[in-house]
Amino acid sequence: MLVRIRLLTAVAAVGGLLTCAAPAYAGPSGQVVSDNVTLTSTADGVLHAKETVTFEGTGVKRSFVRLKHVDDRRDRRFDLGDVHGGTVTVDGDRTVLTPSGGGGPGRRTVTLTYTVHGAMTPLRGRQQLDWVAAGGWNVPVAQTQVTVESGAAVQDLNCFAGELDSTVGCTQFFTNHSHVQAEFRQENLQPGEYLTIVIGYPPGTTSGTPAYEQRHTLATAFTVNTVTGAALVGLLVLLLGGVALLYSTRGRDARIVSKKAAEGDHAPLDHGEFSPPDGVRPGQIGTLIDEQADVIDVTATIIDLAVRHYLLIEELPRETYGRLDWQLRRLNRPADELMPYERVLYDALFAGRDVVRLSELGGTFADQLAAVRGALYEDVVRQGWFARRPDSERTRWTTAGTTLAGLGIIGTIALALYTNLALIGLALVIAGAALAIGGQYMPAKTTRGATVLAHTLGFRAYLYRGETTDAPSGDRVAMFSRYLPYAVVFDSVARWAGTVADIGGEGERADNLYWYEGPAEWDLSNFAESMRSFTLATSGAISASRQFRTLS
């Protein structure tokens, strides 16, 4: 028992020491014994207040309403000014007034004077004073009295006590005998409770009007104002300028093409021999037309190399290999006359071997394809058809547009968080997107390039008509074989492959072409379907990467 008493004594002693050592964080204490507010309304709508406060305790403060929510875009603002008898700080939507005199024991009385702007509201047929005239103390208030004096007669009045949106009436309200003075009384306001007064006056009593402050929300962040409107107008001018720039470059191409297209609208024969317009190869034509070195342009070049006796295309028997496949066989012909991009393609296809199956290229040719396409872009610049590589030109504009759009997104977020100018950032996003999209049309041909394109388009129109009367009767198979690579680029393979089959249906070449050999029991009646399949298979094989093939 003795030990137990000693333990309790020790615990109590330690607890006492800890209590003494703990810092004191004392909150507000005491009360407001009485709070008497006299408000005088002047002709300019300003309220002049004289407030006599008797209170006890420490940390006593009063909180005034500074901002009152109106709608999603606006807050009504009440400005407190000319304060005497205390110090003022702003805390969000409240203005906090601390009476002078400090804390300590005993009862003190402080007189506060201040002005209130924005409490008057003009309404239809009346003017209304709506103001949180008293309360907002951080301690209880025993007695509150508010007196409002004005030179105009009071039409009606009301008051509410409690929370700001309270509909509970105050203890008492009335006017004097002349109805120019209103008085409101309230007992026992709790900390944070207010006394709100509402008085109706005749219209024109004062010139006072409400003051509003724009709320910063997502809706207001995209407000159209002078600054944002100017930014949007500037964006419109920029976009129109971009259209004008495109017209000055691309429009020049269109004018030349329109003028010279008819010059190429004829059979491409030179003394009875096939001669493409301006000596342009199929791969060059494809790059010139859409300003992109596509896979189909490379496929057309492979067929063109076969037609020109650099390689032989052999269709393999489906029964032997289990699927439709072809092999490319290198022919013994010097490659000195090949253009640089053709030489890159030729070397990439065979890579030290004389025979390669098309299926063997799948998954291994993708890296070489990039080199071939790069050589094609270099070629169209070397020919003088473009001042700069079309792919580099597109990349330059697209990168600039993407960067601008990215900066616009970051700017939009930042401006939306802190200002009402988010439309400026959005304007940058739109401008960047327009620049990135418009950049795809920025590569402009030179006059020489536009002229060659015009002749090429005329040749395409001739090919689409499918006329054969211009061809020498003894060499139609060879001539229209030479057409096929160009038909691949022009997406008219089926028509011209069928033409070859029709004109080769009789005679010594009925079973094979000099550049394309089919399996046993194959003849030119199968050529159209074989060429369609070969074109699709080649485009797929040379563009497929190994990582995708291993997934199948």
Protein backbone atom coordinates (compact mmCIF):
# COMPACT_ATOMS: atom_id res chain seq x y z
CA MET A 1 0.00 0.00 0.00
CA LEU A 2 2.83 2.36 0.82
CA VAL A 3 4.51 1.64 -2.51
CA ARG A 4 1.29 2.38 -4.35
CA ILE A 5 0.91 5.74 -2.62
CA ARG A 6 4.48 6.67 -3.49
CA LEU A 7 3.92 5.79 -7.17
CA LEU A 8 0.80 7.95 -7.35
CA THR A 9 2.67 10.80 -5.70
CA ALA A 10 5.49 10.51 -8.24
CA VAL A 11 3.06 10.47 -11.19
CA ALA A 12 1.30 13.54 -9.83
CA ALA A 13 4.62 15.34 -9.41
CA VAL A 14 5.71 14.55 -12.97
CA GLY A 15 2.32 15.65 -14.27
CA GLY A 16 2.66 18.92 -12.42
CA LEU A 17 6.11 19.52 -13.86
CA LEU A 18 4.89 18.80 -17.37
CA THR A 19 1.96 21.17 -16.86
CA CYS A 20 4.29 23.91 -15.73
CA ALA A 21 6.67 23.27 -18.59
CA ALA A 22 3.96 23.25 -21.28
CA PRO A 23 3.58 26.58 -23.13
CA ALA A 24 0.27 28.35 -22.71
CA TYR A 25 -1.68 28.87 -25.95
CA ALA A 26 -4.53 30.90 -24.55
CA GLY A 27 -7.42 31.64 -26.91
CA PRO A 28 -9.77 34.61 -26.60
CA SER A 29 -11.46 34.90 -23.24
CA GLY A 30 -14.01 37.21 -21.67
CA GLN A 31 -17.03 38.88 -23.25
CA VAL A 32 -18.42 42.03 -24.78
CA VAL A 33 -20.65 43.53 -22.15
CA SER A 34 -22.25 46.03 -24.50
CA ASP A 35 -21.82 47.07 -28.12
CA ASN A 36 -23.54 50.29 -29.17
CA VAL A 37 -23.27 51.22 -32.86
CA THR A 38 -24.48 54.52 -34.33
CA LEU A 39 -24.63 54.70 -38.13
CA THR A 40 -25.20 57.91 -40.05
CA SER A 41 -26.06 57.63 -43.74
CA THR A 42 -24.89 60.56 -45.86
CA ALA A 43 -25.99 61.70 -49.32
CA ASP A 44 -23.13 59.89 -51.03
CA GLY A 45 -24.25 56.56 -49.58
CA VAL A 46 -21.37 56.21 -47.14
CA LEU A 47 -22.09 55.02 -43.63
CA HIS A 48 -20.23 56.84 -40.87
CA ALA A 49 -20.03 54.63 -37.79
CA LYS A 50 -19.31 55.35 -34.17
CA GLU A 51 -19.14 52.21 -32.06
CA THR A 52 -18.72 52.15 -28.29
CA VAL A 53 -17.61 48.75 -27.01
CA THR A 54 -17.32 47.68 -23.38
CA PHE A 55 -15.56 44.36 -23.00
CA GLU A 56 -13.62 42.12 -20.64
CA GLY A 57 -10.80 39.66 -21.32
CA THR A 58 -8.03 39.28 -23.86
CA GLY A 59 -7.82 38.66 -27.60
CA VAL A 60 -11.18 40.30 -28.32
CA LYS A 61 -11.74 41.02 -32.05
CA ARG A 62 -14.58 41.84 -34.39
CA SER A 63 -14.92 40.41 -37.92
CA PHE A 64 -16.66 42.50 -40.61
CA VAL A 65 -18.01 41.09 -43.86
CA ARG A 66 -15.74 42.25 -46.67
CA LEU A 67 -17.05 40.11 -49.56
CA LYS A 68 -20.53 38.67 -49.96
CA HIS A 69 -21.22 36.02 -52.61
CA VAL A 70 -23.59 37.22 -55.35
CA ASP A 71 -23.19 34.70 -58.19
CA ASP A 72 -20.55 32.56 -59.87
CA ARG A 73 -18.81 35.60 -61.30
CA ARG A 74 -19.15 38.34 -58.68
CA ASP A 75 -18.85 39.12 -54.98
CA ARG A 76 -20.32 42.23 -53.42
CA ARG A 77 -17.62 44.22 -51.67
CA PHE A 78 -17.95 46.30 -48.50
CA ASP A 79 -15.00 48.58 -47.84
CA LEU A 80 -14.08 49.58 -44.30
CA GLY A 81 -12.09 52.82 -44.07
CA ASP A 82 -10.97 55.71 -41.85
CA VAL A 83 -10.65 53.40 -38.85
CA HIS A 84 -9.78 54.91 -35.48
CA GLY A 85 -9.60 53.23 -32.11
CA GLY A 86 -8.30 49.93 -33.39
CA THR A 87 -6.19 48.11 -35.97
CA VAL A 88 -7.48 46.48 -39.14
CA THR A 89 -6.29 43.37 -41.00
CA VAL A 90 -7.79 41.61 -44.04
CA ASP A 91 -8.44 37.88 -43.73
CA GLY A 92 -9.93 36.50 -46.96
CA ASP A 93 -13.53 37.67 -47.24
CA ARG A 94 -13.44 39.26 -43.79
CA THR A 95 -11.99 42.47 -42.37
CA VAL A 96 -10.82 41.97 -38.76
CA LEU A 97 -10.82 44.93 -36.36
CA THR A 98 -8.94 44.66 -33.05
CA PRO A 99 -9.84 47.36 -30.47
CA SER A 100 -6.95 49.33 -29.00
CA GLY A 101 -6.01 49.08 -25.36
CA GLY A 102 -4.52 45.59 -25.16
CA GLY A 103 -5.63 42.82 -22.87
CA GLY A 104 -5.55 42.20 -19.17
CA PRO A 105 -7.97 42.01 -16.27
CA GLY A 106 -10.79 44.47 -15.75
CA ARG A 107 -13.41 46.06 -17.92
CA ARG A 108 -12.49 48.52 -20.69
CA THR A 109 -14.48 50.75 -22.99
CA VAL A 110 -13.19 51.65 -26.45
CA THR A 111 -14.73 53.99 -29.02
CA LEU A 112 -14.29 52.94 -32.65
CA THR A 113 -14.99 55.12 -35.64
CA TYR A 114 -14.95 54.00 -39.27
CA THR A 115 -16.75 54.37 -42.59
CA VAL A 116 -18.49 51.73 -44.70
CA HIS A 117 -18.75 51.97 -48.49
CA GLY A 118 -21.08 49.88 -50.64
CA ALA A 119 -23.90 49.16 -48.19
CA MET A 120 -26.61 51.01 -50.17
CA THR A 121 -28.54 49.25 -52.96
CA PRO A 122 -30.79 51.05 -55.46
CA LEU A 123 -33.91 48.97 -56.16
CA ARG A 124 -37.07 49.56 -58.17
CA GLY A 125 -39.12 52.15 -56.29
CA ARG A 126 -36.85 52.26 -53.26
CA GLN A 127 -33.33 52.34 -51.91
CA GLN A 128 -32.21 49.78 -49.37
CA LEU A 129 -29.56 49.70 -46.68
CA ASP A 130 -28.49 46.09 -46.17
CA TRP A 131 -25.58 45.78 -43.78
CA VAL A 132 -24.16 43.46 -41.12
CA ALA A 133 -24.14 46.30 -38.61
CA ALA A 134 -22.99 44.47 -35.48
CA GLY A 135 -21.73 41.14 -34.20
CA GLY A 136 -18.93 39.04 -35.58
CA TRP A 137 -17.08 39.14 -32.27
CA ASN A 138 -14.97 36.17 -31.22
CA VAL A 139 -16.50 36.26 -27.72
CA PRO A 140 -20.13 36.36 -26.54
CA VAL A 141 -21.95 39.69 -26.65
CA ALA A 142 -24.45 40.40 -23.90
CA GLN A 143 -26.16 43.53 -25.28
CA THR A 144 -26.12 44.94 -28.81
CA GLN A 145 -27.77 48.14 -30.00
CA VAL A 146 -27.65 49.70 -33.46
CA THR A 147 -29.01 53.16 -34.25
CA VAL A 148 -29.28 54.38 -37.85
CA GLU A 149 -29.85 58.06 -38.62
CA SER A 150 -30.75 59.48 -42.02
CA GLY A 151 -32.40 62.60 -43.37
CA ALA A 152 -34.98 60.47 -45.19
CA ALA A 153 -38.03 58.77 -43.78
CA VAL A 154 -37.82 55.04 -43.16
CA GLN A 155 -40.30 53.14 -45.33
CA ASP A 156 -39.76 49.74 -43.78
CA LEU A 157 -37.17 47.90 -41.70
CA ASN A 158 -36.21 44.45 -40.50
CA CYS A 159 -33.33 42.69 -38.79
CA PHE A 160 -31.92 39.18 -38.38
CA ALA A 161 -29.65 37.65 -35.76
CA GLY A 162 -27.39 34.59 -35.88
CA GLU A 163 -25.44 33.25 -38.87
CA LEU A 164 -25.01 35.47 -41.90
CA ASP A 165 -27.85 33.76 -43.77
CA SER A 166 -30.11 33.58 -40.69
CA THR A 167 -33.81 34.29 -41.07
CA VAL A 168 -34.36 34.55 -37.30
CA GLY A 169 -35.52 38.03 -36.30
CA CYS A 170 -33.57 40.14 -33.85
CA THR A 171 -34.85 40.93 -30.34
CA GLN A 172 -36.37 44.34 -31.13
CA PHE A 173 -36.51 47.03 -33.87
CA PHE A 174 -38.47 50.29 -34.25
CA THR A 175 -38.31 53.88 -35.50
CA ASN A 176 -38.65 57.17 -33.69
CA HIS A 177 -41.69 59.39 -33.97
CA SER A 178 -40.37 61.20 -37.06
CA HIS A 179 -39.44 57.94 -38.79
CA VAL A 180 -35.96 59.18 -39.70
CA GLN A 181 -34.17 57.11 -37.08
CA ALA A 182 -34.21 53.31 -36.81
CA GLU A 183 -33.12 51.36 -33.77
CA PHE A 184 -32.27 47.64 -33.44
CA ARG A 185 -31.52 45.64 -30.30
CA GLN A 186 -30.26 42.12 -29.71
CA GLU A 187 -29.38 40.13 -26.63
CA ASN A 188 -26.88 37.34 -26.21
CA LEU A 189 -25.07 37.03 -29.53
CA GLN A 190 -22.73 34.04 -29.55
CA PRO A 191 -19.18 34.18 -30.97
CA GLY A 192 -19.32 34.47 -34.74
CA GLU A 193 -22.98 35.53 -34.84
CA TYR A 194 -24.12 38.75 -36.52
CA LEU A 195 -26.86 41.34 -36.41
CA THR A 196 -27.98 42.19 -39.95
CA ILE A 197 -30.19 45.23 -40.53
CA VAL A 198 -32.38 46.03 -43.56
CA ILE A 199 -33.91 49.49 -44.02
CA GLY A 200 -35.96 50.74 -46.97
CA TYR A 201 -35.71 54.42 -48.01
CA PRO A 202 -37.38 56.43 -50.77
CA PRO A 203 -35.60 56.28 -54.16
CA GLY A 204 -32.83 58.82 -54.61
CA THR A 205 -32.16 59.13 -50.90
CA THR A 206 -28.42 58.70 -51.58
CA SER A 207 -26.23 58.28 -54.63
CA GLY A 208 -24.63 55.17 -53.17
CA THR A 209 -24.32 52.05 -55.32
CA PRO A 210 -22.96 48.58 -54.61
CA ALA A 211 -19.34 47.74 -55.34
CA TYR A 212 -18.53 44.38 -56.91
CA GLU A 213 -15.40 42.30 -57.15
CA GLN A 214 -15.06 39.63 -59.78
CA ARG A 215 -14.81 36.10 -58.44
CA HIS A 216 -11.89 34.05 -59.64
CA THR A 217 -13.40 30.77 -60.86
CA LEU A 218 -12.92 28.53 -63.85
CA ALA A 219 -15.70 30.44 -65.61
CA THR A 220 -14.18 33.86 -64.93
CA ALA A 221 -10.70 32.65 -65.85
CA PHE A 222 -11.89 32.60 -69.49
CA THR A 223 -13.59 35.99 -69.44
CA VAL A 224 -13.55 38.01 -72.65
CA ASN A 225 -12.17 41.46 -71.87
CA THR A 226 -10.00 44.06 -73.58
CA VAL A 227 -6.79 42.09 -73.14
CA THR A 228 -8.16 38.68 -74.04
CA GLY A 229 -10.23 40.12 -76.88
CA ALA A 230 -7.11 41.76 -78.34
CA ALA A 231 -5.27 38.44 -78.04
CA LEU A 232 -8.03 36.63 -79.92
CA VAL A 233 -8.09 39.30 -82.63
CA GLY A 234 -4.32 38.97 -82.90
CA LEU A 235 -4.73 35.22 -83.26
CA LEU A 236 -7.23 35.75 -86.07
CA VAL A 237 -4.80 38.07 -87.85
CA LEU A 238 -2.03 35.49 -87.38
CA LEU A 239 -4.16 32.70 -88.83
CA LEU A 240 -5.22 34.85 -91.77
CA GLY A 241 -1.58 35.73 -92.32
CA GLY A 242 -0.75 32.02 -92.31
CA VAL A 243 -3.43 31.38 -94.91
CA ALA A 244 -2.00 34.21 -97.02
CA LEU A 245 1.48 32.71 -96.68
CA LEU A 246 0.23 29.30 -97.74
CA TYR A 247 -1.54 30.83 -100.71
CA SER A 248 1.56 32.75 -101.77
CA THR A 249 3.56 29.51 -101.77
CA ARG A 250 1.07 26.76 -102.55
CA GLY A 251 -1.05 29.06 -104.69
CA ARG A 252 1.95 29.64 -106.91
CA ASP A 253 2.20 25.87 -107.41
CA ALA A 254 -1.50 25.71 -108.27
CA ARG A 255 -1.21 28.44 -110.89
CA ILE A 256 1.70 26.78 -112.65
CA VAL A 257 0.09 23.35 -112.47
CA SER A 258 -3.17 24.70 -113.90
CA LYS A 259 -1.30 26.33 -116.76
CA LYS A 260 0.98 23.47 -117.74
CA ALA A 261 -0.96 20.31 -116.84
CA ALA A 262 -2.24 19.91 -120.41
CA GLU A 263 1.34 19.65 -121.70
CA GLY A 264 1.70 16.23 -120.05
CA ASP A 265 -1.69 14.90 -121.12
CA HIS A 266 -0.45 12.63 -123.88
CA ALA A 267 1.18 9.25 -124.43
CA PRO A 268 4.74 9.41 -123.03
CA LEU A 269 6.47 8.24 -126.20
CA ASP A 270 9.68 9.52 -127.72
CA HIS A 271 10.30 8.09 -131.22
CA GLY A 272 8.13 5.12 -130.34
CA GLU A 273 9.89 4.48 -127.01
CA PHE A 274 8.45 5.03 -123.55
CA SER A 275 9.69 8.27 -122.01
CA PRO A 276 8.19 9.46 -118.71
CA PRO A 277 7.38 13.19 -118.41
CA ASP A 278 10.56 15.16 -117.78
CA GLY A 279 12.38 11.83 -117.24
CA VAL A 280 10.84 11.44 -113.78
CA ARG A 281 11.03 8.03 -112.08
CA PRO A 282 8.02 6.55 -110.23
CA GLY A 283 9.52 7.07 -106.77
CA GLN A 284 10.27 10.68 -107.63
CA ILE A 285 6.72 11.21 -108.89
CA GLY A 286 5.22 9.88 -105.66
CA THR A 287 7.41 12.16 -103.55
CA LEU A 288 6.71 15.14 -105.78
CA ILE A 289 2.93 14.75 -105.76
CA ASP A 290 2.29 14.53 -102.00
CA GLU A 291 5.70 15.78 -100.80
CA GLN A 292 6.22 12.56 -98.85
CA ALA A 293 8.46 9.59 -99.57
CA ASP A 294 5.89 6.90 -98.85
CA VAL A 295 6.27 3.13 -98.71
CA ILE A 296 4.27 2.86 -101.94
CA ASP A 297 6.89 5.04 -103.67
CA VAL A 298 9.58 2.54 -102.66
CA THR A 299 7.40 -0.38 -103.82
CA ALA A 300 6.90 1.31 -107.20
CA THR A 301 10.67 1.78 -107.46
CA ILE A 302 11.22 -1.98 -106.92
CA ILE A 303 8.81 -2.74 -109.78
CA ASP A 304 10.50 -0.09 -111.92
CA LEU A 305 13.90 -1.71 -111.31
CA ALA A 306 12.44 -5.00 -112.52
CA VAL A 307 10.94 -3.40 -115.63
CA ARG A 308 14.34 -1.81 -116.39
CA HIS A 309 16.13 -5.22 -116.18
CA TYR A 310 17.91 -4.73 -112.84
CA LEU A 311 16.07 -7.56 -111.11
CA LEU A 312 13.57 -10.32 -111.85
CA ILE A 313 10.40 -10.88 -109.82
CA GLU A 314 9.51 -14.56 -109.50
CA GLU A 315 6.21 -15.70 -108.04
CA LEU A 316 6.81 -18.88 -106.05
CA PRO A 317 4.46 -21.88 -106.12
CA ARG A 318 2.03 -21.73 -103.21
CA GLU A 319 2.13 -25.54 -102.90
CA THR A 320 5.90 -25.54 -102.25
CA TYR A 321 6.13 -22.68 -99.74
CA GLY A 322 2.73 -22.98 -98.07
CA ARG A 323 1.80 -19.38 -98.80
CA LEU A 324 1.97 -16.81 -101.56
CA ASP A 325 5.53 -15.51 -101.79
CA TRP A 326 7.93 -13.98 -104.30
CA GLN A 327 11.66 -13.89 -104.71
CA LEU A 328 13.73 -11.08 -106.16
CA ARG A 329 16.69 -12.13 -108.31
CA ARG A 330 19.56 -9.75 -109.07
CA LEU A 331 20.30 -9.53 -112.80
CA ASN A 332 23.76 -9.08 -114.21
CA ARG A 333 23.52 -5.46 -115.16
CA PRO A 334 25.81 -2.61 -114.01
CA ALA A 335 24.16 -0.33 -111.48
CA ASP A 336 26.10 2.75 -112.60
CA GLU A 337 23.03 4.36 -114.18
CA LEU A 338 20.91 4.10 -111.04
CA MET A 339 19.99 7.26 -109.22
CA PRO A 340 21.38 7.59 -105.67
CA TYR A 341 18.12 6.61 -103.98
CA GLU A 342 17.73 3.65 -106.37
CA ARG A 343 21.25 2.50 -105.58
CA VAL A 344 20.54 2.69 -101.83
CA LEU A 345 17.40 0.59 -102.35
CA TYR A 346 19.12 -1.90 -104.68
CA ASP A 347 21.99 -2.50 -102.26
CA ALA A 348 19.60 -2.77 -99.29
CA LEU A 349 17.48 -5.38 -101.04
CA PHE A 350 20.25 -7.78 -101.89
CA ALA A 351 22.95 -6.90 -99.30
CA GLY A 352 25.62 -9.21 -100.78
CA ARG A 353 23.20 -11.86 -102.08
CA ASP A 354 21.76 -12.50 -105.51
CA VAL A 355 18.36 -13.86 -104.49
CA VAL A 356 16.04 -12.83 -101.63
CA ARG A 357 12.51 -13.90 -100.83
CA LEU A 358 10.03 -11.15 -100.09
CA SER A 359 9.06 -12.81 -96.82
CA GLU A 360 12.71 -12.61 -95.71
CA LEU A 361 12.57 -8.82 -95.86
CA GLY A 362 9.78 -8.64 -93.32
CA GLY A 363 11.12 -7.39 -89.99
CA THR A 364 14.62 -6.64 -91.30
CA PHE A 365 14.12 -3.90 -93.89
CA ALA A 366 12.56 -1.17 -91.77
CA ASP A 367 15.91 0.51 -90.95
CA GLN A 368 17.00 0.43 -94.61
CA LEU A 369 13.62 1.86 -95.60
CA ALA A 370 14.37 5.02 -93.60
CA ALA A 371 17.63 5.41 -95.53
CA VAL A 372 15.83 4.97 -98.88
CA ARG A 373 13.19 7.51 -97.96
CA GLY A 374 15.90 9.95 -96.84
CA ALA A 375 17.68 9.49 -100.17
CA LEU A 376 14.40 10.21 -101.99
CA TYR A 377 14.00 13.48 -100.08
CA GLU A 378 17.57 14.43 -100.92
CA ASP A 379 16.89 13.59 -104.57
CA VAL A 380 13.89 15.92 -104.98
CA VAL A 381 16.03 18.75 -103.58
CA ARG A 382 18.90 17.80 -105.90
CA GLN A 383 16.50 17.90 -108.85
CA GLY A 384 15.65 21.48 -107.93
CA TRP A 385 11.98 20.72 -107.24
CA PHE A 386 12.15 21.87 -103.60
CA ALA A 387 14.41 24.41 -101.93
CA ARG A 388 14.57 22.27 -98.76
CA ARG A 389 13.68 18.70 -97.87
CA PRO A 390 9.89 18.48 -97.46
CA ASP A 391 10.16 16.30 -94.36
CA SER A 392 12.53 18.76 -92.67
CA GLU A 393 10.23 21.64 -93.57
CA ARG A 394 7.22 19.87 -92.07
CA THR A 395 9.17 18.92 -88.96
CA ARG A 396 10.34 22.49 -88.44
CA TRP A 397 6.84 23.93 -88.56
CA THR A 398 5.26 21.07 -86.62
CA THR A 399 7.88 21.34 -83.87
CA ALA A 400 7.34 25.09 -83.63
CA GLY A 401 3.57 24.63 -83.49
CA THR A 402 3.75 21.84 -80.92
CA THR A 403 6.10 23.87 -78.75
CA LEU A 404 3.82 26.91 -78.97
CA ALA A 405 0.77 24.78 -78.13
CA GLY A 406 2.62 23.24 -75.16
CA LEU A 407 3.56 26.66 -73.85
CA GLY A 408 -0.05 27.71 -74.38
CA ILE A 409 -1.32 24.79 -72.29
CA ILE A 410 1.07 25.62 -69.46
CA GLY A 411 0.16 29.31 -69.76
CA THR A 412 -3.57 28.54 -69.81
CA ILE A 413 -3.30 26.53 -66.60
CA ALA A 414 -1.21 29.18 -64.86
CA LEU A 415 -3.42 32.06 -66.00
CA ALA A 416 -6.59 30.17 -65.08
CA LEU A 417 -5.28 29.58 -61.56
CA TYR A 418 -4.26 33.15 -60.81
CA THR A 419 -5.94 35.52 -63.30
CA ASN A 420 -8.91 36.01 -65.60
CA LEU A 421 -6.70 36.03 -68.70
CA ALA A 422 -6.74 32.31 -69.47
CA LEU A 423 -8.05 33.03 -72.99
CA ILE A 424 -4.60 34.37 -73.86
CA GLY A 425 -3.10 30.97 -73.12
CA LEU A 426 -5.93 29.29 -75.01
CA ALA A 427 -5.21 31.56 -77.97
CA LEU A 428 -1.62 30.31 -77.94
CA VAL A 429 -2.85 26.71 -77.90
CA ILE A 430 -5.06 27.36 -80.93
CA ALA A 431 -2.28 29.21 -82.74
CA GLY A 432 0.18 26.39 -82.00
CA ALA A 433 -2.25 23.73 -83.19
CA ALA A 434 -2.97 25.71 -86.36
CA LEU A 435 0.76 26.11 -86.95
CA ALA A 436 1.40 22.40 -86.43
CA ILE A 437 -1.42 21.42 -88.81
CA GLY A 438 -0.59 24.12 -91.34
CA GLY A 439 3.05 23.01 -91.24
CA GLN A 440 2.06 19.89 -93.16
CA TYR A 441 1.32 22.15 -96.13
CA MET A 442 4.37 24.36 -95.84
CA PRO A 443 6.78 22.53 -98.19
CA ALA A 444 6.56 24.60 -101.38
CA LYS A 445 7.80 23.50 -104.77
CA THR A 446 10.05 25.63 -106.89
CA THR A 447 8.89 26.79 -110.30
CA ARG A 448 10.73 23.86 -111.83
CA GLY A 449 9.09 21.46 -109.38
CA ALA A 450 5.61 22.86 -110.10
CA THR A 451 6.21 22.51 -113.84
CA VAL A 452 7.30 18.88 -113.50
CA LEU A 453 4.29 18.21 -111.29
CA ALA A 454 1.99 19.71 -113.93
CA HIS A 455 3.39 17.41 -116.62
CA THR A 456 3.13 14.47 -114.23
CA LEU A 457 -0.52 15.18 -113.47
CA GLY A 458 -1.20 15.38 -117.20
CA PHE A 459 0.44 11.97 -117.57
CA ARG A 460 -1.77 10.66 -114.76
CA ALA A 461 -4.87 11.90 -116.58
CA TYR A 462 -3.72 10.02 -119.69
CA LEU A 463 -3.15 6.86 -117.67
CA TYR A 464 -6.58 7.07 -116.06
CA ARG A 465 -8.22 7.13 -119.50
CA GLY A 466 -6.64 3.76 -120.27
CA GLU A 467 -6.04 4.51 -123.95
CA THR A 468 -3.89 2.03 -125.90
CA THR A 469 -4.24 3.32 -129.45
CA ASP A 470 -1.08 5.42 -129.20
CA ALA A 471 1.13 2.42 -128.49
CA PRO A 472 2.96 0.57 -131.29
CA SER A 473 1.14 -2.71 -131.84
CA GLY A 474 4.31 -4.79 -131.70
CA ASP A 475 5.56 -3.51 -128.37
CA ARG A 476 2.47 -2.98 -126.23
CA VAL A 477 3.50 -5.46 -123.52
CA ALA A 478 6.84 -3.75 -122.99
CA MET A 479 5.35 -0.28 -123.09
CA PHE A 480 2.55 -0.96 -120.67
CA SER A 481 4.91 -2.86 -118.38
CA ARG A 482 6.77 0.41 -118.14
CA TYR A 483 3.49 2.10 -117.20
CA LEU A 484 2.87 -0.18 -114.23
CA PRO A 485 5.34 1.38 -111.73
CA TYR A 486 3.71 4.74 -112.37
CA ALA A 487 0.26 3.17 -112.05
CA VAL A 488 1.33 1.91 -108.60
CA VAL A 489 2.05 5.48 -107.53
CA PHE A 490 -1.20 6.72 -109.08
CA ASP A 491 -3.20 3.94 -107.38
CA SER A 492 -4.45 2.48 -110.67
CA VAL A 493 -2.68 -0.88 -110.53
CA ALA A 494 -5.78 -2.96 -111.21
CA ARG A 495 -6.60 -1.08 -114.44
CA TRP A 496 -3.12 -1.25 -115.94
CA ALA A 497 -2.35 -4.77 -114.76
CA GLY A 498 -5.56 -5.79 -116.50
CA THR A 499 -4.44 -3.93 -119.61
CA VAL A 500 -1.19 -5.89 -119.70
CA ALA A 501 -3.14 -9.14 -119.35
CA ASP A 502 -5.50 -8.18 -122.17
CA ILE A 503 -2.86 -7.19 -124.68
CA GLY A 504 -0.65 -10.14 -123.79
CA GLY A 505 -3.33 -12.77 -124.03
CA GLU A 506 -1.90 -14.19 -127.26
CA GLY A 507 1.59 -14.78 -128.58
CA GLU A 508 4.93 -15.81 -127.16
CA ARG A 509 4.65 -13.64 -124.02
CA ALA A 510 1.31 -15.04 -122.95
CA ASP A 511 2.81 -17.10 -120.10
CA ASN A 512 5.29 -14.61 -118.59
CA LEU A 513 6.66 -11.11 -118.84
CA TYR A 514 10.34 -10.42 -119.29
CA TRP A 515 10.48 -9.01 -115.74
CA TYR A 516 7.84 -11.11 -113.98
CA GLU A 517 7.67 -14.89 -113.94
CA GLY A 518 4.84 -16.92 -112.50
CA PRO A 519 4.77 -20.55 -111.37
CA ALA A 520 3.72 -23.46 -113.60
CA GLU A 521 0.32 -23.14 -115.25
CA TRP A 522 0.39 -19.38 -114.62
CA ASP A 523 -0.37 -17.00 -117.48
CA LEU A 524 -1.06 -13.31 -117.98
CA SER A 525 -4.71 -13.74 -117.17
CA ASN A 526 -3.54 -14.06 -113.54
CA PHE A 527 -1.27 -11.05 -113.76
CA ALA A 528 -3.71 -8.43 -112.42
CA GLU A 529 -4.36 -10.37 -109.21
CA SER A 530 -0.68 -11.30 -108.85
CA MET A 531 0.43 -7.69 -109.20
CA ARG A 532 -2.17 -6.49 -106.70
CA SER A 533 -0.99 -9.09 -104.18
CA PHE A 534 2.67 -8.36 -104.85
CA THR A 535 2.18 -4.64 -104.30
CA LEU A 536 0.43 -5.17 -100.97
CA ALA A 537 2.90 -7.81 -99.80
CA THR A 538 5.94 -5.71 -100.73
CA SER A 539 4.65 -2.60 -98.98
CA GLY A 540 3.94 -4.64 -95.87
CA ALA A 541 7.25 -6.49 -95.90
CA ILE A 542 9.53 -3.49 -96.31
CA SER A 543 7.72 -1.40 -93.69
CA ALA A 544 7.15 -4.04 -90.98
CA SER A 545 9.55 -4.05 -88.04
CA ARG A 546 10.76 -7.21 -86.38
CA GLN A 547 9.22 -6.36 -83.01
CA PHE A 548 5.74 -6.27 -84.48
CA ARG A 549 6.20 -9.47 -86.45
CA THR A 550 7.23 -11.41 -83.36
CA LEU A 551 3.93 -10.51 -81.72
CA SER A 552 1.88 -12.24 -84.43
